[in-house]
Amino acid sequence: MRSLLDLGRPEEALTFQKQAMDVAPGNARTRALHTALTATAHAQAGQIDAAAHLALDALALAKPIRSRRVQARITLLASTLAPHCPMPEVDAFLEQVTTPT
């Protein structure tokens, strides 16, 4: 999925969404990474509602995790969604990303 996003093919990347999201519940870091990646794919494909919903999920998963990779994915997701303000879910996500906890 990530390779397809890197190639600028988000719609094709989303064909792997089910596999990307099929992560064992105990693997929080991978779940956070894949949720953020899937949200980014939706955003790049212009599916902003789905992206914003998943972005909030990814952020909730990422908060307790200390991982540079997870933080980098959340940051990329934030920059991808930022142009889509003032959608309420996008605003909520961006506010949480920029507000220290």
Protein backbone atom coordinates (compact mmCIF):
# COMPACT_ATOMS: atom_id res chain seq x y z
CA MET A 1 0.00 0.00 0.00
CA ARG A 2 2.74 2.46 0.95
CA SER A 3 4.61 1.86 -2.29
CA LEU A 4 1.51 2.66 -4.30
CA LEU A 5 1.03 5.87 -2.33
CA ASP A 6 4.66 6.78 -2.94
CA LEU A 7 3.98 6.29 -6.65
CA GLY A 8 0.98 8.63 -6.48
CA ARG A 9 -1.60 5.89 -6.94
CA PRO A 10 -3.88 6.24 -3.89
CA GLU A 11 -6.94 4.65 -5.49
CA GLU A 12 -4.94 1.53 -6.27
CA ALA A 13 -3.42 1.60 -2.79
CA LEU A 14 -6.91 1.53 -1.31
CA THR A 15 -7.55 -1.83 -2.94
CA PHE A 16 -5.27 -3.17 -0.20
CA GLN A 17 -7.11 -1.40 2.62
CA LYS A 18 -8.66 -4.56 4.02
CA GLN A 19 -5.29 -6.31 4.24
CA ALA A 20 -3.62 -3.24 5.73
CA MET A 21 -6.24 -2.92 8.43
CA ASP A 22 -6.21 -6.62 9.29
CA VAL A 23 -3.80 -6.29 12.21
CA ALA A 24 -3.91 -8.18 15.48
CA PRO A 25 -5.44 -6.02 18.23
CA GLY A 26 -2.34 -6.39 20.40
CA ASN A 27 -0.10 -4.86 17.76
CA ALA A 28 -0.91 -1.23 18.50
CA ARG A 29 2.05 0.30 16.67
CA THR A 30 1.33 -1.49 13.41
CA ARG A 31 -2.39 -0.76 13.75
CA ALA A 32 -1.62 2.96 14.22
CA LEU A 33 0.77 2.98 11.25
CA HIS A 34 -1.66 1.22 8.94
CA THR A 35 -4.62 3.33 10.02
CA ALA A 36 -2.68 6.53 9.34
CA LEU A 37 -1.49 5.15 6.01
CA THR A 38 -5.02 4.20 5.00
CA ALA A 39 -6.28 7.64 6.02
CA THR A 40 -3.56 9.24 3.91
CA ALA A 41 -4.58 7.11 0.93
CA HIS A 42 -8.20 8.21 1.32
CA ALA A 43 -7.13 11.85 1.57
CA GLN A 44 -4.94 11.63 -1.51
CA ALA A 45 -7.81 9.96 -3.36
CA GLY A 46 -10.08 12.88 -2.46
CA GLN A 47 -12.17 10.86 0.01
CA ILE A 48 -11.84 13.42 2.77
CA ASP A 49 -14.69 12.22 4.99
CA ALA A 50 -13.23 8.71 5.18
CA ALA A 51 -9.73 10.14 5.64
CA ALA A 52 -10.80 12.41 8.49
CA HIS A 53 -12.62 9.60 10.28
CA LEU A 54 -9.60 7.30 10.02
CA ALA A 55 -7.28 10.15 10.98
CA LEU A 56 -9.04 10.52 14.31
CA ASP A 57 -8.81 6.75 14.81
CA ALA A 58 -5.11 6.78 13.94
CA LEU A 59 -4.45 9.62 16.35
CA ALA A 60 -6.24 7.81 19.17
CA LEU A 61 -4.16 4.71 18.48
CA ALA A 62 -0.94 6.72 18.22
CA LYS A 63 -1.25 8.78 21.41
CA PRO A 64 0.05 6.11 23.82
CA ILE A 65 2.79 4.95 21.44
CA ARG A 66 6.28 6.41 21.42
CA SER A 67 7.36 5.81 17.86
CA ARG A 68 9.02 8.13 15.39
CA ARG A 69 7.48 6.23 12.48
CA VAL A 70 3.99 6.60 13.88
CA GLN A 71 4.58 10.29 14.57
CA ALA A 72 5.92 10.78 11.04
CA ARG A 73 2.82 9.15 9.56
CA ILE A 74 0.54 11.32 11.68
CA THR A 75 2.49 14.42 10.61
CA LEU A 76 2.22 13.44 6.94
CA LEU A 77 -1.47 12.80 7.39
CA ALA A 78 -1.92 16.22 9.01
CA SER A 79 -0.18 17.96 6.11
CA THR A 80 -2.30 16.00 3.64
CA LEU A 81 -5.54 16.93 5.38
CA ALA A 82 -4.68 20.55 6.26
CA PRO A 83 -5.90 21.98 2.94
CA HIS A 84 -9.35 20.52 3.65
CA CYS A 85 -10.23 22.75 6.58
CA PRO A 86 -12.83 23.77 7.74
CA MET A 87 -14.38 20.30 7.75
CA PRO A 88 -15.27 19.54 11.39
CA GLU A 89 -13.51 16.15 11.58
CA VAL A 90 -10.43 17.51 9.83
CA ASP A 91 -10.38 20.47 12.21
CA ALA A 92 -10.76 18.16 15.21
CA PHE A 93 -7.88 16.00 14.01
CA LEU A 94 -5.58 18.94 13.27
CA GLU A 95 -6.37 20.55 16.62
CA GLN A 96 -5.44 17.36 18.44
CA VAL A 97 -2.24 16.95 16.43
CA THR A 98 -1.07 20.46 17.25
CA THR A 99 -2.19 20.45 20.88
CA PRO A 100 0.42 18.94 23.19
CA THR A 101 -0.84 16.29 25.58
